[in-house]
Structures are given as structure tokens and as C-alpha cells.
Amino acid sequence: MRAGPRATQPPYPARPRLYILEESQDAPAERSGDVLADRMIALMTGTGMPNGVGAIGYSEAHLDVLTDRTVAQKRLLDNAPPPPVDRVLLKELFRDALRYW
């Protein structure tokens, strides 16, 4: 399962292409989520941001608590774009957010 920017590929293949720099516009639509993720990582490393939430103290041990507390925010989740957000997707999103590079 793909989370984060890579998860934008199936329902909206062209959407992330609007948010990346011009040199990335030649990427095939099916790679748009990967291109966006790579660009975001380049921006993060270039500005000295931490390498995911693992760099600020979160670990695999926190995934269930993070997921449970996010599921409680039903209104926000119900307004999220496809795919539907469920516990499995949220947990994978948090797992992927532990480290980006």
C-alpha cells in the first residue's frame, strides 16, 4: 500500500503534477506520486527538515496510538479525497512517515 504523496497516483494522476517544479512536468502520469515524493524529499533535505517523524521521537511502537487518535478525527477523515481513509491506510501512512529517505 502506498501512503503520503505516492498515494495520490490512482485517483488523481495529474493532480500532484500541479505542485511540482517545471523540470518534473515531463514525468509520466503514473509516476506523478513518486515524482512529487522525490521533490518533497529534496525540499526537506535542502531546508534541513528532520527525516520523518522518527527523527523527532516517534517509532513503530507509536503507530497504534497515532492511528487510534487520528481515527477519532472522523470529520477530517470523511472529507479526505479518495481512496477512503481507514485504519489500515492511516497506519501505513504513519509507518511511511517514520522515515522518508
PDB file of N, CA and C in Angstrom:
ATOM      1  N   MET A   1       0.842  -1.174   0.000  1.00  0.00           N
ATOM      2  CA  MET A   1       0.000   0.000   0.000  1.00  0.00           C
ATOM      3  C   MET A   1       0.883   1.232   0.000  1.00  0.00           C
ATOM      4  N   ARG A   2       0.482   2.248  -0.688  1.00  0.00           N
ATOM      5  CA  ARG A   2       1.254   3.477  -0.760  1.00  0.00           C
ATOM      6  C   ARG A   2       0.555   4.563   0.037  1.00  0.00           C
ATOM      7  N   ALA A   3       1.344   5.314   0.756  1.00  0.00           N
ATOM      8  CA  ALA A   3       0.810   6.401   1.555  1.00  0.00           C
ATOM      9  C   ALA A   3       1.532   7.688   1.190  1.00  0.00           C
ATOM     10  N   GLY A   4       1.080   8.767   1.761  1.00  0.00           N
ATOM     11  CA  GLY A   4       1.719  10.053   1.508  1.00  0.00           C
ATOM     12  C   GLY A   4       1.547  10.484   0.063  1.00  0.00           C
ATOM     13  N   PRO A   5       2.485  11.244  -0.484  1.00  0.00           N
ATOM     14  CA  PRO A   5       2.351  11.733  -1.859  1.00  0.00           C
ATOM     15  C   PRO A   5       2.199  10.617  -2.876  1.00  0.00           C
ATOM     16  N   ARG A   6       2.835   9.480  -2.624  1.00  0.00           N
ATOM     17  CA  ARG A   6       2.732   8.370  -3.575  1.00  0.00           C
ATOM     18  C   ARG A   6       1.307   7.840  -3.675  1.00  0.00           C
ATOM     19  N   ALA A   7       0.514   8.034  -2.640  1.00  0.00           N
ATOM     20  CA  ALA A   7      -0.867   7.555  -2.641  1.00  0.00           C
ATOM     21  C   ALA A   7      -1.762   8.409  -3.523  1.00  0.00           C
ATOM     22  N   THR A   8      -1.295   9.535  -4.019  1.00  0.00           N
ATOM     23  CA  THR A   8      -2.131  10.377  -4.874  1.00  0.00           C
ATOM     24  C   THR A   8      -2.215   9.849  -6.298  1.00  0.00           C
ATOM     25  N   GLN A   9      -1.413   8.849  -6.642  1.00  0.00           N
ATOM     26  CA  GLN A   9      -1.378   8.381  -8.017  1.00  0.00           C
ATOM     27  C   GLN A   9      -2.703   7.837  -8.536  1.00  0.00           C
ATOM     28  N   PRO A  10      -3.340   6.854  -7.878  1.00  0.00           N
ATOM     29  CA  PRO A  10      -4.506   6.241  -8.528  1.00  0.00           C
ATOM     30  C   PRO A  10      -5.674   7.170  -8.839  1.00  0.00           C
ATOM     31  N   PRO A  11      -6.234   7.908  -7.865  1.00  0.00           N
ATOM     32  CA  PRO A  11      -7.424   8.672  -8.206  1.00  0.00           C
ATOM     33  C   PRO A  11      -7.144   9.966  -8.964  1.00  0.00           C
ATOM     34  N   TYR A  12      -5.997  10.574  -8.731  1.00  0.00           N
ATOM     35  CA  TYR A  12      -5.700  11.872  -9.323  1.00  0.00           C
ATOM     36  C   TYR A  12      -4.308  11.887  -9.943  1.00  0.00           C
ATOM     37  N   PRO A  13      -4.075  11.153 -11.016  1.00  0.00           N
ATOM     38  CA  PRO A  13      -2.716  11.067 -11.554  1.00  0.00           C
ATOM     39  C   PRO A  13      -2.141  12.407 -11.985  1.00  0.00           C
ATOM     40  N   ALA A  14      -2.935  13.359 -12.399  1.00  0.00           N
ATOM     41  CA  ALA A  14      -2.396  14.641 -12.848  1.00  0.00           C
ATOM     42  C   ALA A  14      -2.309  15.662 -11.724  1.00  0.00           C
ATOM     43  N   ARG A  15      -3.059  15.464 -10.669  1.00  0.00           N
ATOM     44  CA  ARG A  15      -3.142  16.471  -9.611  1.00  0.00           C
ATOM     45  C   ARG A  15      -1.795  16.855  -9.002  1.00  0.00           C
ATOM     46  N   PRO A  16      -0.953  15.904  -8.573  1.00  0.00           N
ATOM     47  CA  PRO A  16       0.297  16.338  -7.962  1.00  0.00           C
ATOM     48  C   PRO A  16       1.229  17.042  -8.940  1.00  0.00           C
ATOM     49  N   ARG A  17       1.025  16.831 -10.219  1.00  0.00           N
ATOM     50  CA  ARG A  17       1.874  17.481 -11.211  1.00  0.00           C
ATOM     51  C   ARG A  17       1.721  18.997 -11.146  1.00  0.00           C
ATOM     52  N   LEU A  18       0.622  19.478 -10.611  1.00  0.00           N
ATOM     53  CA  LEU A  18       0.411  20.915 -10.488  1.00  0.00           C
ATOM     54  C   LEU A  18       1.310  21.525  -9.427  1.00  0.00           C
ATOM     55  N   TYR A  19       1.798  20.726  -8.511  1.00  0.00           N
ATOM     56  CA  TYR A  19       2.511  21.233  -7.357  1.00  0.00           C
ATOM     57  C   TYR A  19       4.013  21.010  -7.388  1.00  0.00           C
ATOM     58  N   ILE A  20       4.530  20.510  -8.461  1.00  0.00           N
ATOM     59  CA  ILE A  20       5.971  20.267  -8.513  1.00  0.00           C
ATOM     60  C   ILE A  20       6.613  21.203  -9.516  1.00  0.00           C
ATOM     61  N   LEU A  21       7.919  21.331  -9.408  1.00  0.00           N
ATOM     62  CA  LEU A  21       8.613  22.275 -10.259  1.00  0.00           C
ATOM     63  C   LEU A  21       8.576  21.867 -11.724  1.00  0.00           C
ATOM     64  N   GLU A  22       8.774  22.848 -12.567  1.00  0.00           N
ATOM     65  CA  GLU A  22       8.654  22.681 -14.017  1.00  0.00           C
ATOM     66  C   GLU A  22       9.461  21.515 -14.573  1.00  0.00           C
ATOM     67  N   GLU A  23      10.684  21.295 -14.074  1.00  0.00           N
ATOM     68  CA  GLU A  23      11.516  20.233 -14.643  1.00  0.00           C
ATOM     69  C   GLU A  23      10.924  18.842 -14.421  1.00  0.00           C
ATOM     70  N   SER A  24       9.941  18.721 -13.558  1.00  0.00           N
ATOM     71  CA  SER A  24       9.320  17.426 -13.286  1.00  0.00           C
ATOM     72  C   SER A  24       8.092  17.175 -14.152  1.00  0.00           C
ATOM     73  N   GLN A  25       7.686  18.127 -14.938  1.00  0.00           N
ATOM     74  CA  GLN A  25       6.443  18.016 -15.704  1.00  0.00           C
ATOM     75  C   GLN A  25       6.489  16.954 -16.799  1.00  0.00           C
ATOM     76  N   ASP A  26       7.674  16.509 -17.187  1.00  0.00           N
ATOM     77  CA  ASP A  26       7.777  15.505 -18.246  1.00  0.00           C
ATOM     78  C   ASP A  26       7.596  14.081 -17.741  1.00  0.00           C
ATOM     79  N   ALA A  27       7.444  13.896 -16.448  1.00  0.00           N
ATOM     80  CA  ALA A  27       7.277  12.552 -15.889  1.00  0.00           C
ATOM     81  C   ALA A  27       5.930  11.978 -16.316  1.00  0.00           C
ATOM     82  N   PRO A  28       5.878  10.665 -16.569  1.00  0.00           N
ATOM     83  CA  PRO A  28       4.596  10.038 -16.915  1.00  0.00           C
ATOM     84  C   PRO A  28       3.602  10.175 -15.763  1.00  0.00           C
ATOM     85  N   ALA A  29       2.327  10.282 -16.096  1.00  0.00           N
ATOM     86  CA  ALA A  29       1.287  10.475 -15.083  1.00  0.00           C
ATOM     87  C   ALA A  29       1.304   9.379 -14.025  1.00  0.00           C
ATOM     88  N   GLU A  30       1.601   8.143 -14.416  1.00  0.00           N
ATOM     89  CA  GLU A  30       1.582   7.045 -13.440  1.00  0.00           C
ATOM     90  C   GLU A  30       2.730   7.152 -12.433  1.00  0.00           C
ATOM     91  N   ARG A  31       3.706   7.988 -12.691  1.00  0.00           N
ATOM     92  CA  ARG A  31       4.817   8.200 -11.759  1.00  0.00           C
ATOM     93  C   ARG A  31       4.679   9.519 -11.001  1.00  0.00           C
ATOM     94  N   SER A  32       3.573  10.222 -11.192  1.00  0.00           N
ATOM     95  CA  SER A  32       3.442  11.554 -10.619  1.00  0.00           C
ATOM     96  C   SER A  32       3.560  11.560  -9.095  1.00  0.00           C
ATOM     97  N   GLY A  33       3.028  10.563  -8.427  1.00  0.00           N
ATOM     98  CA  GLY A  33       3.154  10.494  -6.972  1.00  0.00           C
ATOM     99  C   GLY A  33       4.595  10.296  -6.538  1.00  0.00           C
ATOM    100  N   ASP A  34       5.331   9.447  -7.255  1.00  0.00           N
ATOM    101  CA  ASP A  34       6.751   9.237  -6.941  1.00  0.00           C
ATOM    102  C   ASP A  34       7.564  10.500  -7.186  1.00  0.00           C
ATOM    103  N   VAL A  35       7.271  11.181  -8.288  1.00  0.00           N
ATOM    104  CA  VAL A  35       7.991  12.411  -8.614  1.00  0.00           C
ATOM    105  C   VAL A  35       7.730  13.468  -7.540  1.00  0.00           C
ATOM    106  N   LEU A  36       6.480  13.591  -7.129  1.00  0.00           N
ATOM    107  CA  LEU A  36       6.142  14.550  -6.080  1.00  0.00           C
ATOM    108  C   LEU A  36       6.856  14.196  -4.780  1.00  0.00           C
ATOM    109  N   ALA A  37       6.849  12.920  -4.408  1.00  0.00           N
ATOM    110  CA  ALA A  37       7.525  12.493  -3.174  1.00  0.00           C
ATOM    111  C   ALA A  37       9.015  12.793  -3.246  1.00  0.00           C
ATOM    112  N   ASP A  38       9.642  12.486  -4.382  1.00  0.00           N
ATOM    113  CA  ASP A  38      11.073  12.763  -4.537  1.00  0.00           C
ATOM    114  C   ASP A  38      11.360  14.255  -4.430  1.00  0.00           C
ATOM    115  N   ARG A  39      10.507  15.063  -5.010  1.00  0.00           N
ATOM    116  CA  ARG A  39      10.692  16.522  -4.970  1.00  0.00           C
ATOM    117  C   ARG A  39      10.520  17.042  -3.544  1.00  0.00           C
ATOM    118  N   MET A  40       9.533  16.515  -2.842  1.00  0.00           N
ATOM    119  CA  MET A  40       9.317  16.939  -1.455  1.00  0.00           C
ATOM    120  C   MET A  40      10.515  16.559  -0.584  1.00  0.00           C
ATOM    121  N   ILE A  41      11.057  15.366  -0.799  1.00  0.00           N
ATOM    122  CA  ILE A  41      12.240  14.941  -0.040  1.00  0.00           C
ATOM    123  C   ILE A  41      13.416  15.862  -0.339  1.00  0.00           C
ATOM    124  N   ALA A  42      13.585  16.238  -1.598  1.00  0.00           N
ATOM    125  CA  ALA A  42      14.665  17.163  -1.950  1.00  0.00           C
ATOM    126  C   ALA A  42      14.481  18.499  -1.238  1.00  0.00           C
ATOM    127  N   LEU A  43      13.260  18.989  -1.179  1.00  0.00           N
ATOM    128  CA  LEU A  43      12.986  20.247  -0.475  1.00  0.00           C
ATOM    129  C   LEU A  43      13.241  20.098   1.027  1.00  0.00           C
ATOM    130  N   MET A  44      12.835  18.968   1.579  1.00  0.00           N
ATOM    131  CA  MET A  44      13.030  18.732   3.015  1.00  0.00           C
ATOM    132  C   MET A  44      14.510  18.657   3.364  1.00  0.00           C
ATOM    133  N   THR A  45      15.273  17.901   2.587  1.00  0.00           N
ATOM    134  CA  THR A  45      16.700  17.784   2.890  1.00  0.00           C
ATOM    135  C   THR A  45      17.413  19.111   2.657  1.00  0.00           C
ATOM    136  N   GLY A  46      16.987  19.831   1.639  1.00  0.00           N
ATOM    137  CA  GLY A  46      17.606  21.106   1.330  1.00  0.00           C
ATOM    138  C   GLY A  46      17.364  22.180   2.373  1.00  0.00           C
ATOM    139  N   THR A  47      16.288  22.024   3.145  1.00  0.00           N
ATOM    140  CA  THR A  47      15.972  23.017   4.174  1.00  0.00           C
ATOM    141  C   THR A  47      16.273  22.509   5.576  1.00  0.00           C
ATOM    142  N   GLY A  48      16.867  21.315   5.667  1.00  0.00           N
ATOM    143  CA  GLY A  48      17.269  20.795   6.973  1.00  0.00           C
ATOM    144  C   GLY A  48      16.140  20.234   7.823  1.00  0.00           C
ATOM    145  N   MET A  49      15.041  19.855   7.198  1.00  0.00           N
ATOM    146  CA  MET A  49      13.939  19.269   7.964  1.00  0.00           C
ATOM    147  C   MET A  49      14.319  17.873   8.448  1.00  0.00           C
ATOM    148  N   PRO A  50      13.730  17.431   9.555  1.00  0.00           N
ATOM    149  CA  PRO A  50      14.016  16.079  10.052  1.00  0.00           C
ATOM    150  C   PRO A  50      13.563  15.020   9.056  1.00  0.00           C
ATOM    151  N   ASN A  51      14.217  13.879   9.099  1.00  0.00           N
ATOM    152  CA  ASN A  51      13.884  12.757   8.230  1.00  0.00           C
ATOM    153  C   ASN A  51      12.695  11.998   8.808  1.00  0.00           C
ATOM    154  N   GLY A  52      11.520  12.545   8.670  1.00  0.00           N
ATOM    155  CA  GLY A  52      10.300  11.909   9.138  1.00  0.00           C
ATOM    156  C   GLY A  52      10.073  12.091  10.625  1.00  0.00           C
ATOM    157  N   VAL A  53       8.938  11.575  11.079  1.00  0.00           N
ATOM    158  CA  VAL A  53       8.586  11.726  12.491  1.00  0.00           C
ATOM    159  C   VAL A  53       9.441  10.845  13.396  1.00  0.00           C
ATOM    160  N   GLY A  54      10.132   9.868  12.831  1.00  0.00           N
ATOM    161  CA  GLY A  54      11.066   9.061  13.609  1.00  0.00           C
ATOM    162  C   GLY A  54      12.214   9.905  14.141  1.00  0.00           C
ATOM    163  N   ALA A  55      12.569  10.933  13.399  1.00  0.00           N
ATOM    164  CA  ALA A  55      13.672  11.813  13.805  1.00  0.00           C
ATOM    165  C   ALA A  55      13.289  12.728  14.971  1.00  0.00           C
ATOM    166  N   ILE A  56      12.005  12.800  15.276  1.00  0.00           N
ATOM    167  CA  ILE A  56      11.582  13.634  16.406  1.00  0.00           C
ATOM    168  C   ILE A  56      10.995  12.791  17.541  1.00  0.00           C
ATOM    169  N   GLY A  57      11.300  11.483  17.505  1.00  0.00           N
ATOM    170  CA  GLY A  57      10.976  10.649  18.652  1.00  0.00           C
ATOM    171  C   GLY A  57       9.903   9.588  18.481  1.00  0.00           C
ATOM    172  N   TYR A  58       9.192   9.583  17.373  1.00  0.00           N
ATOM    173  CA  TYR A  58       8.180   8.547  17.173  1.00  0.00           C
ATOM    174  C   TYR A  58       8.827   7.274  16.631  1.00  0.00           C
ATOM    175  N   SER A  59       8.195   6.129  16.928  1.00  0.00           N
ATOM    176  CA  SER A  59       8.715   4.843  16.468  1.00  0.00           C
ATOM    177  C   SER A  59       7.552   3.925  16.108  1.00  0.00           C
ATOM    178  N   GLU A  60       7.884   2.726  15.668  1.00  0.00           N
ATOM    179  CA  GLU A  60       6.859   1.715  15.359  1.00  0.00           C
ATOM    180  C   GLU A  60       5.936   1.496  16.553  1.00  0.00           C
ATOM    181  N   ALA A  61       6.470   1.640  17.746  1.00  0.00           N
ATOM    182  CA  ALA A  61       5.671   1.436  18.961  1.00  0.00           C
ATOM    183  C   ALA A  61       4.533   2.444  19.087  1.00  0.00           C
ATOM    184  N   HIS A  62       4.620   3.563  18.401  1.00  0.00           N
ATOM    185  CA  HIS A  62       3.603   4.605  18.491  1.00  0.00           C
ATOM    186  C   HIS A  62       2.522   4.496  17.416  1.00  0.00           C
ATOM    187  N   LEU A  63       2.671   3.587  16.469  1.00  0.00           N
ATOM    188  CA  LEU A  63       1.762   3.537  15.325  1.00  0.00           C
ATOM    189  C   LEU A  63       0.306   3.321  15.715  1.00  0.00           C
ATOM    190  N   ASP A  64       0.042   2.416  16.639  1.00  0.00           N
ATOM    191  CA  ASP A  64      -1.347   2.161  17.026  1.00  0.00           C
ATOM    192  C   ASP A  64      -1.978   3.371  17.706  1.00  0.00           C
ATOM    193  N   VAL A  65      -1.236   4.034  18.573  1.00  0.00           N
ATOM    194  CA  VAL A  65      -1.769   5.219  19.269  1.00  0.00           C
ATOM    195  C   VAL A  65      -2.014   6.344  18.264  1.00  0.00           C
ATOM    196  N   LEU A  66      -1.073   6.575  17.366  1.00  0.00           N
ATOM    197  CA  LEU A  66      -1.262   7.614  16.352  1.00  0.00           C
ATOM    198  C   LEU A  66      -2.480   7.307  15.488  1.00  0.00           C
ATOM    199  N   THR A  67      -2.623   6.045  15.102  1.00  0.00           N
ATOM    200  CA  THR A  67      -3.768   5.640  14.286  1.00  0.00           C
ATOM    201  C   THR A  67      -5.070   5.822  15.046  1.00  0.00           C
ATOM    202  N   ASP A  68      -5.131   5.355  16.281  1.00  0.00           N
ATOM    203  CA  ASP A  68      -6.351   5.470  17.089  1.00  0.00           C
ATOM    204  C   ASP A  68      -6.772   6.925  17.269  1.00  0.00           C
ATOM    205  N   ARG A  69      -5.811   7.778  17.542  1.00  0.00           N
ATOM    206  CA  ARG A  69      -6.145   9.187  17.783  1.00  0.00           C
ATOM    207  C   ARG A  69      -6.546   9.901  16.496  1.00  0.00           C
ATOM    208  N   THR A  70      -6.047   9.432  15.384  1.00  0.00           N
ATOM    209  CA  THR A  70      -6.441  10.028  14.110  1.00  0.00           C
ATOM    210  C   THR A  70      -7.829   9.557  13.706  1.00  0.00           C
ATOM    211  N   VAL A  71      -8.141   8.290  13.933  1.00  0.00           N
ATOM    212  CA  VAL A  71      -9.468   7.761  13.612  1.00  0.00           C
ATOM    213  C   VAL A  71     -10.550   8.544  14.361  1.00  0.00           C
ATOM    214  N   ALA A  72     -10.211   9.053  15.518  1.00  0.00           N
ATOM    215  CA  ALA A  72     -11.171   9.838  16.304  1.00  0.00           C
ATOM    216  C   ALA A  72     -11.530  11.159  15.612  1.00  0.00           C
ATOM    217  N   GLN A  73     -10.730  11.591  14.658  1.00  0.00           N
ATOM    218  CA  GLN A  73     -10.993  12.841  13.933  1.00  0.00           C
ATOM    219  C   GLN A  73     -11.861  12.542  12.699  1.00  0.00           C
ATOM    220  N   LYS A  74     -13.030  11.951  12.922  1.00  0.00           N
ATOM    221  CA  LYS A  74     -13.877  11.442  11.853  1.00  0.00           C
ATOM    222  C   LYS A  74     -14.228  12.492  10.795  1.00  0.00           C
ATOM    223  N   ARG A  75     -14.546  13.684  11.207  1.00  0.00           N
ATOM    224  CA  ARG A  75     -14.951  14.710  10.241  1.00  0.00           C
ATOM    225  C   ARG A  75     -13.821  14.992   9.242  1.00  0.00           C
ATOM    226  N   LEU A  76     -12.593  15.091   9.733  1.00  0.00           N
ATOM    227  CA  LEU A  76     -11.465  15.335   8.845  1.00  0.00           C
ATOM    228  C   LEU A  76     -11.248  14.166   7.884  1.00  0.00           C
ATOM    229  N   LEU A  77     -11.368  12.967   8.397  1.00  0.00           N
ATOM    230  CA  LEU A  77     -11.165  11.784   7.556  1.00  0.00           C
ATOM    231  C   LEU A  77     -12.261  11.643   6.510  1.00  0.00           C
ATOM    232  N   ASP A  78     -13.492  11.964   6.884  1.00  0.00           N
ATOM    233  CA  ASP A  78     -14.599  11.851   5.940  1.00  0.00           C
ATOM    234  C   ASP A  78     -14.474  12.841   4.788  1.00  0.00           C
ATOM    235  N   ASN A  79     -13.757  13.938   5.002  1.00  0.00           N
ATOM    236  CA  ASN A  79     -13.584  14.944   3.952  1.00  0.00           C
ATOM    237  C   ASN A  79     -12.332  14.720   3.110  1.00  0.00           C
ATOM    238  N   ALA A  80     -11.578  13.686   3.421  1.00  0.00           N
ATOM    239  CA  ALA A  80     -10.357  13.397   2.658  1.00  0.00           C
ATOM    240  C   ALA A  80     -10.731  12.876   1.271  1.00  0.00           C
ATOM    241  N   PRO A  81      -9.879  13.166   0.265  1.00  0.00           N
ATOM    242  CA  PRO A  81     -10.159  12.651  -1.083  1.00  0.00           C
ATOM    243  C   PRO A  81      -9.937  11.144  -1.137  1.00  0.00           C
ATOM    244  N   PRO A  82     -10.428  10.488  -2.204  1.00  0.00           N
ATOM    245  CA  PRO A  82     -10.209   9.055  -2.337  1.00  0.00           C
ATOM    246  C   PRO A  82      -8.732   8.727  -2.324  1.00  0.00           C
ATOM    247  N   PRO A  83      -8.353   7.540  -1.939  1.00  0.00           N
ATOM    248  CA  PRO A  83      -9.193   6.428  -1.513  1.00  0.00           C
ATOM    249  C   PRO A  83      -9.741   6.663  -0.115  1.00  0.00           C
ATOM    250  N   PRO A  84     -10.807   5.929   0.264  1.00  0.00           N
ATOM    251  CA  PRO A  84     -11.347   6.079   1.610  1.00  0.00           C
ATOM    252  C   PRO A  84     -10.264   5.838   2.659  1.00  0.00           C
ATOM    253  N   VAL A  85     -10.277   6.646   3.693  1.00  0.00           N
ATOM    254  CA  VAL A  85      -9.269   6.545   4.744  1.00  0.00           C
ATOM    255  C   VAL A  85      -9.781   5.608   5.827  1.00  0.00           C
ATOM    256  N   ASP A  86      -9.032   4.548   6.075  1.00  0.00           N
ATOM    257  CA  ASP A  86      -9.382   3.607   7.126  1.00  0.00           C
ATOM    258  C   ASP A  86      -8.155   3.375   8.006  1.00  0.00           C
ATOM    259  N   ARG A  87      -8.305   2.546   9.021  1.00  0.00           N
ATOM    260  CA  ARG A  87      -7.202   2.279   9.961  1.00  0.00           C
ATOM    261  C   ARG A  87      -5.959   1.730   9.250  1.00  0.00           C
ATOM    262  N   VAL A  88      -6.163   0.855   8.299  1.00  0.00           N
ATOM    263  CA  VAL A  88      -5.031   0.236   7.602  1.00  0.00           C
ATOM    264  C   VAL A  88      -4.235   1.306   6.851  1.00  0.00           C
ATOM    265  N   LEU A  89      -4.929   2.164   6.115  1.00  0.00           N
ATOM    266  CA  LEU A  89      -4.256   3.223   5.371  1.00  0.00           C
ATOM    267  C   LEU A  89      -3.566   4.206   6.315  1.00  0.00           C
ATOM    268  N   LEU A  90      -4.225   4.587   7.396  1.00  0.00           N
ATOM    269  CA  LEU A  90      -3.624   5.516   8.353  1.00  0.00           C
ATOM    270  C   LEU A  90      -2.357   4.941   8.973  1.00  0.00           C
ATOM    271  N   LYS A  91      -2.427   3.688   9.375  1.00  0.00           N
ATOM    272  CA  LYS A  91      -1.252   3.079   9.998  1.00  0.00           C
ATOM    273  C   LYS A  91      -0.096   3.022   9.010  1.00  0.00           C
ATOM    274  N   GLU A  92      -0.385   2.709   7.757  1.00  0.00           N
ATOM    275  CA  GLU A  92       0.653   2.680   6.729  1.00  0.00           C
ATOM    276  C   GLU A  92       1.207   4.083   6.480  1.00  0.00           C
ATOM    277  N   LEU A  93       0.347   5.067   6.496  1.00  0.00           N
ATOM    278  CA  LEU A  93       0.789   6.454   6.341  1.00  0.00           C
ATOM    279  C   LEU A  93       1.763   6.831   7.446  1.00  0.00           C
ATOM    280  N   PHE A  94       1.416   6.501   8.688  1.00  0.00           N
ATOM    281  CA  PHE A  94       2.310   6.796   9.806  1.00  0.00           C
ATOM    282  C   PHE A  94       3.602   5.979   9.721  1.00  0.00           C
ATOM    283  N   ARG A  95       3.499   4.729   9.302  1.00  0.00           N
ATOM    284  CA  ARG A  95       4.708   3.900   9.149  1.00  0.00           C
ATOM    285  C   ARG A  95       5.636   4.531   8.107  1.00  0.00           C
ATOM    286  N   ASP A  96       5.078   4.937   6.978  1.00  0.00           N
ATOM    287  CA  ASP A  96       5.885   5.574   5.933  1.00  0.00           C
ATOM    288  C   ASP A  96       6.463   6.911   6.390  1.00  0.00           C
ATOM    289  N   ALA A  97       5.776   7.590   7.288  1.00  0.00           N
ATOM    290  CA  ALA A  97       6.227   8.902   7.760  1.00  0.00           C
ATOM    291  C   ALA A  97       7.346   8.798   8.790  1.00  0.00           C
ATOM    292  N   LEU A  98       7.644   7.602   9.288  1.00  0.00           N
ATOM    293  CA  LEU A  98       8.731   7.467  10.260  1.00  0.00           C
ATOM    294  C   LEU A  98      10.070   7.873   9.639  1.00  0.00           C
ATOM    295  N   ARG A  99      10.236   7.559   8.361  1.00  0.00           N
ATOM    296  CA  ARG A  99      11.487   7.893   7.665  1.00  0.00           C
ATOM    297  C   ARG A  99      11.201   8.031   6.184  1.00  0.00           C
ATOM    298  N   TYR A 100      11.668   9.126   5.609  1.00  0.00           N
ATOM    299  CA  TYR A 100      11.422   9.378   4.188  1.00  0.00           C
ATOM    300  C   TYR A 100      12.599   9.061   3.280  1.00  0.00           C
ATOM    301  N   TRP A 101      13.802   9.166   3.795  1.00  0.00           N
ATOM    302  CA  TRP A 101      14.981   8.888   2.974  1.00  0.00           C
ATOM    303  C   TRP A 101      15.996   8.103   3.752  1.00  0.00           C
TER     304      TRP A 101
END
